[in-house]
Amino acid sequence: MEKKDILIIHGTDYKNMTIRILKRAGLAELIGDRNKRIGLKPNLVVARDPSEGATTHAEILEGVVAYLQECGFNNLTIMEGSWVGDNTRDAFRAAGYERISRQYGVPFKDMQADTWKSCDAAGMDIRICDTAAQMDFMINLPVLKGHCQTLITCALKNNKGLIPNAEKRRFHTLGLHRPIAHLNTVVRNDFILVDNICGDLDFEEGGNPVVMNRILAFRDPVLCDAFVCESMGHKPEEVDYIMLAQQLGVGSADTAKAHMVYLNEDLSAKKKPPMTGRVKKLASYTDSQDACSACFGSLIYALDRLQERGELKKGLPPVAIGQGFRGKTGDIGVGHCTACFSKSLEGCPPKAADMVEFLEKEWVCKHM
């Protein structure tokens, strides 16, 4: 797997999906020496079940551990520090990680209780937890989701769990963006496996999950977060820490040069995803017929961006989406399946960022 690659797999068998994508990425070959100390960094920000859209699914962690041990890697450590005010061990239990730790013999280190040292992070002094600093290879396991302060959170911000609580407080006083970017010049980002199963619409704590049933793999955390922005209807330039991290040499935000590798098709069209109140409200602006999870989820994110701008209003014709519209005509639709409509956005699925631009021009403005 190269730095510019983005691997994508769809489905609901999350453990086996994880193993399959790791094999395709050649993770064992990327790590090399079987004696390396390998850190596994999920997102356990709060003590909530992963189905609520805040934390990394246990099946993904289990798939990573099973794959690594099968390949002869046994020096593994799960590590995380929940946000200030929440207990990491409670989050560890709520996410279902205790069984995995016990069954596979992988220890857990609570970064809230870890020792730390200060280091120079490209000209900024930052305190890093000692256990994280001692790893030879880090596997970042973030959740693709929204954030009330930084718009999105994924690979780069997930590493905030590797600093002590006092440093997390200081990050907020500094405005989050600059310290997050500098943090990623010193913490390892050797491999990123993104939980894009049902991340929250716009809040790190969860509560409004958008079901997409995907797992993504990256080697570049900046490319990862730039892709996440576009997947949620934002531009990477809207998230300061992404562009700052690029300037500091952490990675590239140029998604146009990325190489997309699809391991399978999204076969979720016959299954209606569960929806909370906010997601249901956004879905009321759609006409969904056998829509795949990733395509429908992208439309929900796009509609949320339009709602933030005050552009969703009663009287708009529903946006068609899904395989049920193949070969049919209509007013407006998104995705390859609505190609015969008067107005249609190509893509399978289109990015939410492209949906926002298309819907603003062809849907909102035409019905003002």
Protein backbone atom coordinates (compact mmCIF):
# COMPACT_ATOMS: atom_id res chain seq x y z
CA MET A 1 0.00 0.00 0.00
CA GLU A 2 1.32 3.42 -1.01
CA LYS A 3 0.94 6.77 0.76
CA LYS A 4 -1.54 8.03 -1.83
CA ASP A 5 -3.78 4.94 -1.62
CA ILE A 6 -7.23 4.93 -0.03
CA LEU A 7 -8.64 1.44 0.54
CA ILE A 8 -12.41 1.08 0.97
CA ILE A 9 -14.46 -1.95 1.97
CA HIS A 10 -18.24 -2.17 2.53
CA GLY A 11 -20.36 -4.54 4.58
CA THR A 12 -21.57 -5.50 8.02
CA ASP A 13 -19.17 -8.34 8.94
CA TYR A 14 -16.80 -5.84 10.48
CA LYS A 15 -14.20 -8.22 11.89
CA ASN A 16 -13.68 -10.09 8.62
CA MET A 17 -13.84 -6.84 6.63
CA THR A 18 -11.01 -5.58 8.82
CA ILE A 19 -8.88 -8.65 8.22
CA ARG A 20 -9.50 -8.49 4.49
CA ILE A 21 -8.52 -4.82 4.17
CA LEU A 22 -5.38 -5.35 6.27
CA LYS A 23 -4.32 -8.21 4.00
CA ARG A 24 -4.90 -6.06 0.93
CA ALA A 25 -2.87 -3.24 2.50
CA GLY A 26 0.01 -5.64 3.25
CA LEU A 27 0.14 -4.40 6.84
CA ALA A 28 2.45 -7.21 8.00
CA GLU A 29 4.98 -6.26 5.34
CA LEU A 30 4.69 -2.58 6.27
CA ILE A 31 5.49 -3.37 9.91
CA GLY A 32 8.31 -5.80 9.16
CA ASP A 33 10.10 -6.94 12.33
CA ARG A 34 7.82 -9.22 14.39
CA ASN A 35 9.38 -7.95 17.63
CA LYS A 36 8.27 -4.35 17.13
CA ARG A 37 6.16 -2.73 19.84
CA ILE A 38 2.82 -2.02 18.17
CA GLY A 39 0.31 0.45 19.56
CA LEU A 40 -3.43 0.23 18.79
CA LYS A 41 -5.16 3.59 19.29
CA PRO A 42 -8.98 3.45 19.04
CA ASN A 43 -11.36 6.32 19.78
CA LEU A 44 -12.94 5.81 23.21
CA VAL A 45 -13.84 9.42 23.88
CA VAL A 46 -16.86 8.52 26.06
CA ALA A 47 -18.41 5.47 27.68
CA ARG A 48 -21.02 4.73 25.00
CA ASP A 49 -21.79 1.82 22.71
CA PRO A 50 -20.16 2.23 19.27
CA SER A 51 -23.60 2.04 17.63
CA GLU A 52 -24.23 5.59 18.90
CA GLY A 53 -21.55 6.96 16.58
CA ALA A 54 -18.79 8.07 18.97
CA THR A 55 -16.41 5.15 19.53
CA THR A 56 -14.49 2.57 17.51
CA HIS A 57 -16.34 -0.72 17.01
CA ALA A 58 -14.90 -3.67 18.95
CA GLU A 59 -15.09 -5.88 15.84
CA ILE A 60 -12.55 -3.64 14.09
CA LEU A 61 -10.14 -3.82 17.02
CA GLU A 62 -10.60 -7.60 17.19
CA GLY A 63 -9.95 -7.95 13.47
CA VAL A 64 -6.69 -6.00 13.79
CA VAL A 65 -5.51 -8.06 16.76
CA ALA A 66 -6.47 -11.38 15.14
CA TYR A 67 -4.67 -10.45 11.92
CA LEU A 68 -1.51 -9.27 13.67
CA GLN A 69 -1.26 -12.31 15.93
CA GLU A 70 -1.85 -14.63 12.99
CA CYS A 71 1.09 -12.89 11.27
CA GLY A 72 3.33 -13.43 14.31
CA PHE A 73 3.07 -10.00 15.97
CA ASN A 74 2.50 -10.40 19.70
CA ASN A 75 3.96 -7.25 21.26
CA LEU A 76 0.67 -5.32 21.09
CA THR A 77 -0.78 -2.66 23.38
CA ILE A 78 -4.21 -1.04 23.25
CA MET A 79 -3.94 2.57 24.43
CA GLU A 80 -6.34 5.46 24.83
CA GLY A 81 -7.26 8.37 27.06
CA SER A 82 -10.91 9.48 27.03
CA TRP A 83 -11.82 13.13 27.05
CA VAL A 84 -11.49 15.09 30.29
CA GLY A 85 -14.37 14.25 32.62
CA ASP A 86 -14.89 10.71 31.34
CA ASN A 87 -13.28 7.52 32.62
CA THR A 88 -11.25 5.61 30.01
CA ARG A 89 -11.78 2.21 31.63
CA ASP A 90 -15.54 2.78 31.62
CA ALA A 91 -15.33 3.57 27.91
CA PHE A 92 -13.16 0.48 27.38
CA ARG A 93 -15.89 -1.69 28.92
CA ALA A 94 -18.79 0.09 27.17
CA ALA A 95 -17.18 -0.51 23.77
CA GLY A 96 -16.81 -4.24 24.44
CA TYR A 97 -13.01 -4.25 24.57
CA GLU A 98 -12.57 -6.19 27.81
CA ARG A 99 -13.32 -9.53 26.13
CA ILE A 100 -10.84 -8.83 23.34
CA SER A 101 -8.09 -7.84 25.76
CA ARG A 102 -8.68 -10.96 27.83
CA GLN A 103 -9.21 -13.43 24.96
CA TYR A 104 -6.17 -12.34 22.94
CA GLY A 105 -3.92 -11.45 25.86
CA VAL A 106 -3.42 -7.83 24.73
CA PRO A 107 -2.84 -5.33 27.58
CA PHE A 108 -4.62 -1.99 27.84
CA LYS A 109 -2.88 1.22 28.93
CA ASP A 110 -4.98 4.11 30.16
CA MET A 111 -3.31 7.31 28.95
CA GLN A 112 -5.13 9.29 31.64
CA ALA A 113 -3.00 7.42 34.19
CA ASP A 114 0.24 7.25 32.18
CA THR A 115 3.45 9.18 32.78
CA TRP A 116 4.52 11.75 30.21
CA LYS A 117 7.38 13.83 28.90
CA SER A 118 7.57 17.16 27.08
CA CYS A 119 8.95 17.19 23.56
CA ASP A 120 9.58 19.67 20.79
CA ALA A 121 6.79 19.30 18.22
CA ALA A 122 8.04 21.42 15.31
CA GLY A 123 8.67 24.40 17.55
CA MET A 124 5.81 23.82 19.99
CA ASP A 125 6.33 22.17 23.38
CA ILE A 126 3.82 19.31 23.83
CA ARG A 127 3.50 16.68 26.53
CA ILE A 128 3.23 13.10 25.16
CA CYS A 129 2.33 10.00 27.17
CA ASP A 130 5.36 7.74 27.63
CA THR A 131 3.67 4.53 26.47
CA ALA A 132 2.76 6.11 23.14
CA ALA A 133 6.25 7.53 22.68
CA GLN A 134 7.80 4.08 23.21
CA MET A 135 5.92 2.37 20.35
CA ASP A 136 7.76 1.33 17.19
CA PHE A 137 4.60 1.24 15.05
CA MET A 138 1.22 2.90 15.67
CA ILE A 139 -2.10 1.84 14.22
CA ASN A 140 -4.61 4.67 14.48
CA LEU A 141 -8.26 3.46 14.69
CA PRO A 142 -10.37 6.63 14.57
CA VAL A 143 -14.08 7.10 13.91
CA LEU A 144 -15.16 9.23 10.95
CA LYS A 145 -17.55 11.72 12.55
CA GLY A 146 -18.46 15.34 13.02
CA HIS A 147 -17.19 17.63 15.75
CA CYS A 148 -18.87 20.68 17.24
CA GLN A 149 -15.65 22.73 17.37
CA THR A 150 -13.50 21.49 14.48
CA LEU A 151 -16.24 20.35 12.01
CA ILE A 152 -14.72 16.87 11.65
CA THR A 153 -12.57 14.53 13.68
CA CYS A 154 -10.66 11.50 12.45
CA ALA A 155 -6.98 10.50 12.28
CA LEU A 156 -5.19 13.70 13.29
CA LYS A 157 -7.45 14.64 16.18
CA ASN A 158 -7.71 11.05 17.44
CA ASN A 159 -4.08 11.32 18.57
CA LYS A 160 -5.21 13.81 21.21
CA GLY A 161 -5.93 10.68 23.27
CA LEU A 162 -2.16 10.16 23.59
CA ILE A 163 -1.59 13.25 25.74
CA PRO A 164 -2.34 13.74 29.46
CA ASN A 165 -5.54 15.44 30.59
CA ALA A 166 -3.77 18.66 31.56
CA GLU A 167 -2.44 18.93 28.02
CA LYS A 168 -5.91 18.33 26.57
CA ARG A 169 -7.16 21.30 28.59
CA ARG A 170 -4.30 23.43 27.32
CA PHE A 171 -5.05 22.43 23.72
CA HIS A 172 -8.52 23.92 24.12
CA THR A 173 -7.13 27.19 25.47
CA LEU A 174 -4.89 27.34 22.39
CA GLY A 175 -7.82 26.83 20.03
CA LEU A 176 -7.27 23.11 19.19
CA HIS A 177 -6.19 23.51 15.56
CA ARG A 178 -2.56 24.59 15.94
CA PRO A 179 -1.69 22.15 18.75
CA ILE A 180 -3.38 19.23 16.94
CA ALA A 181 -1.30 19.92 13.85
CA HIS A 182 1.94 20.17 15.85
CA LEU A 183 1.08 17.05 17.90
CA ASN A 184 1.08 15.00 14.70
CA THR A 185 4.68 15.95 13.93
CA VAL A 186 5.83 13.86 16.91
CA VAL A 187 3.26 11.06 17.41
CA ARG A 188 3.39 8.13 15.00
CA ASN A 189 0.79 7.68 12.25
CA ASP A 190 2.14 4.53 10.62
CA PHE A 191 -1.22 3.11 9.56
CA ILE A 192 -4.77 4.43 9.82
CA LEU A 193 -7.86 2.21 9.78
CA VAL A 194 -11.02 4.33 9.87
CA ASP A 195 -14.28 3.19 11.42
CA ASN A 196 -16.81 4.62 8.94
CA ILE A 197 -19.59 2.34 10.12
CA CYS A 198 -21.91 4.87 11.77
CA GLY A 199 -20.07 8.01 12.87
CA ASP A 200 -22.06 10.84 14.41
CA LEU A 201 -23.47 13.62 12.24
CA ASP A 202 -21.71 16.52 13.95
CA PHE A 203 -20.82 15.74 17.57
CA GLU A 204 -17.83 13.85 18.99
CA GLU A 205 -19.94 12.35 21.81
CA GLY A 206 -22.35 10.56 19.47
CA GLY A 207 -26.14 10.36 19.46
CA ASN A 208 -26.96 10.94 15.78
CA PRO A 209 -25.17 8.14 13.89
CA VAL A 210 -25.11 8.13 10.09
CA VAL A 211 -24.90 4.52 8.92
CA MET A 212 -22.39 4.00 6.07
CA ASN A 213 -21.01 0.52 6.86
CA ARG A 214 -17.52 1.18 5.49
CA ILE A 215 -13.97 0.72 6.71
CA LEU A 216 -11.21 2.83 5.17
CA ALA A 217 -7.43 2.41 5.22
CA PHE A 218 -4.76 5.10 4.83
CA ARG A 219 -1.07 5.62 5.39
CA ASP A 220 -1.26 9.41 5.32
CA PRO A 221 -3.27 11.01 8.19
CA VAL A 222 -3.59 14.34 6.38
CA LEU A 223 -4.96 12.68 3.25
CA CYS A 224 -7.28 10.72 5.53
CA ASP A 225 -8.77 13.80 7.15
CA ALA A 226 -9.00 15.70 3.86
CA PHE A 227 -10.98 12.77 2.41
CA VAL A 228 -13.16 12.74 5.53
CA CYS A 229 -13.96 16.43 5.01
CA GLU A 230 -15.17 15.79 1.49
CA SER A 231 -17.11 12.72 2.64
CA MET A 232 -19.01 14.93 5.10
CA GLY A 233 -19.65 17.86 2.78
CA HIS A 234 -16.79 20.12 3.87
CA LYS A 235 -13.70 21.38 2.09
CA PRO A 236 -10.34 20.49 3.70
CA GLU A 237 -9.53 24.21 3.76
CA GLU A 238 -12.36 24.69 6.26
CA VAL A 239 -10.48 22.65 8.89
CA ASP A 240 -7.41 24.62 9.93
CA TYR A 241 -5.50 21.76 11.55
CA ILE A 242 -5.53 19.75 8.30
CA MET A 243 -3.88 22.53 6.33
CA LEU A 244 -1.47 23.33 9.17
CA ALA A 245 -0.45 19.66 9.39
CA GLN A 246 0.21 19.69 5.65
CA GLN A 247 2.39 22.80 6.02
CA LEU A 248 4.34 21.07 8.80
CA GLY A 249 5.10 18.12 6.54
CA VAL A 250 2.83 15.56 8.21
CA GLY A 251 1.18 14.58 4.91
CA SER A 252 -0.73 15.75 1.84
CA ALA A 253 -4.31 17.05 1.68
CA ASP A 254 -4.46 16.67 -2.12
CA THR A 255 -7.29 14.15 -2.56
CA ALA A 256 -7.24 14.70 -6.34
CA LYS A 257 -4.00 12.71 -6.49
CA ALA A 258 -5.29 9.90 -4.26
CA HIS A 259 -5.62 6.38 -5.64
CA MET A 260 -8.99 4.88 -4.67
CA VAL A 261 -9.02 1.09 -4.20
CA TYR A 262 -12.47 -0.49 -3.76
CA LEU A 263 -12.30 -4.02 -2.36
CA ASN A 264 -15.97 -4.75 -2.98
CA GLU A 265 -19.35 -3.21 -3.81
CA ASP A 266 -21.78 -1.73 -1.33
CA LEU A 267 -24.49 -4.41 -1.16
CA SER A 268 -26.53 -2.80 1.61
CA ALA A 269 -29.30 -1.41 -0.62
CA LYS A 270 -32.01 -3.77 0.63
CA LYS A 271 -31.43 -2.88 4.28
CA LYS A 272 -32.87 0.31 5.74
CA PRO A 273 -30.36 1.87 8.16
CA PRO A 274 -31.59 2.88 11.62
CA MET A 275 -32.10 6.63 11.93
CA THR A 276 -32.35 8.96 14.90
CA GLY A 277 -34.54 12.08 15.08
CA ARG A 278 -32.11 14.47 13.40
CA VAL A 279 -31.14 12.03 10.67
CA LYS A 280 -34.82 11.20 10.07
CA LYS A 281 -35.59 14.89 9.63
CA LEU A 282 -32.86 15.25 7.01
CA ALA A 283 -34.02 12.03 5.32
CA SER A 284 -37.48 13.58 4.88
CA TYR A 285 -35.98 15.65 2.04
CA THR A 286 -35.11 12.48 0.12
CA ASP A 287 -36.88 9.81 -1.92
CA SER A 288 -34.80 6.73 -1.20
CA GLN A 289 -35.42 3.50 -3.09
CA ASP A 290 -32.92 0.72 -2.38
CA ALA A 291 -30.13 3.20 -1.65
CA CYS A 292 -26.74 1.84 -0.57
CA SER A 293 -25.59 2.91 2.88
CA ALA A 294 -22.54 4.87 1.72
CA CYS A 295 -24.50 6.81 -0.90
CA PHE A 296 -27.41 7.58 1.41
CA GLY A 297 -25.06 8.53 4.24
CA SER A 298 -23.22 10.96 1.97
CA LEU A 299 -26.54 12.59 1.07
CA ILE A 300 -27.43 12.96 4.75
CA TYR A 301 -24.13 14.75 5.40
CA ALA A 302 -24.75 17.01 2.38
CA LEU A 303 -28.26 17.88 3.57
CA ASP A 304 -26.86 18.68 7.00
CA ARG A 305 -24.44 21.16 5.43
CA LEU A 306 -27.33 22.82 3.58
CA GLN A 307 -29.37 22.95 6.76
CA GLU A 308 -26.48 24.66 8.56
CA ARG A 309 -26.61 27.34 5.86
CA GLY A 310 -30.35 27.75 6.29
CA GLU A 311 -31.06 26.47 2.79
CA LEU A 312 -33.38 23.55 3.57
CA LYS A 313 -37.02 24.56 3.48
CA LYS A 314 -40.49 23.13 2.96
CA GLY A 315 -41.66 22.73 -0.58
CA LEU A 316 -38.43 21.39 -2.05
CA PRO A 317 -38.99 18.30 -4.22
CA PRO A 318 -37.42 15.19 -2.67
CA VAL A 319 -33.94 14.22 -3.86
CA ALA A 320 -34.05 10.78 -5.45
CA ILE A 321 -31.38 8.26 -4.53
CA GLY A 322 -30.99 4.51 -4.89
CA GLN A 323 -31.02 1.55 -7.22
CA GLY A 324 -34.79 1.66 -7.49
CA PHE A 325 -34.42 4.63 -9.87
CA ARG A 326 -32.23 2.90 -12.45
CA GLY A 327 -33.57 3.59 -15.94
CA LYS A 328 -36.29 5.90 -14.59
CA THR A 329 -36.79 9.59 -15.18
CA GLY A 330 -37.48 12.31 -12.66
CA ASP A 331 -36.68 15.80 -11.46
CA ILE A 332 -33.48 15.61 -9.42
CA GLY A 333 -31.32 12.83 -8.05
CA VAL A 334 -27.84 11.96 -6.87
CA GLY A 335 -25.70 8.95 -7.70
CA HIS A 336 -25.23 6.86 -10.81
CA CYS A 337 -28.63 5.20 -10.37
CA THR A 338 -30.45 8.48 -11.19
CA ALA A 339 -28.52 9.09 -14.41
CA CYS A 340 -31.75 9.39 -16.45
CA PHE A 341 -33.14 12.24 -14.33
CA SER A 342 -33.39 15.82 -15.62
CA LYS A 343 -30.76 16.82 -13.07
CA SER A 344 -28.41 14.15 -11.74
CA LEU A 345 -25.04 14.08 -10.01
CA GLU A 346 -22.82 11.24 -11.23
CA GLY A 347 -20.88 9.08 -8.77
CA CYS A 348 -21.12 5.77 -6.95
CA PRO A 349 -21.33 7.36 -4.50
CA PRO A 350 -20.63 11.03 -5.14
CA LYS A 351 -18.75 12.83 -2.37
CA ALA A 352 -20.95 14.79 0.02
CA ALA A 353 -18.95 17.92 -0.83
CA ASP A 354 -19.94 17.52 -4.50
CA MET A 355 -23.54 16.85 -3.47
CA VAL A 356 -23.64 20.13 -1.54
CA GLU A 357 -22.47 22.14 -4.54
CA PHE A 358 -24.83 20.31 -6.92
CA LEU A 359 -27.90 20.59 -4.69
CA GLU A 360 -27.24 24.24 -3.92
CA LYS A 361 -27.14 25.07 -7.63
CA GLU A 362 -29.75 22.72 -9.08
CA TRP A 363 -32.16 22.17 -6.21
CA VAL A 364 -32.21 24.99 -3.67
CA CYS A 365 -31.65 27.95 -6.01
CA LYS A 366 -34.12 26.69 -8.63
CA HIS A 367 -36.92 26.58 -6.03
CA MET A 368 -36.34 29.85 -4.23
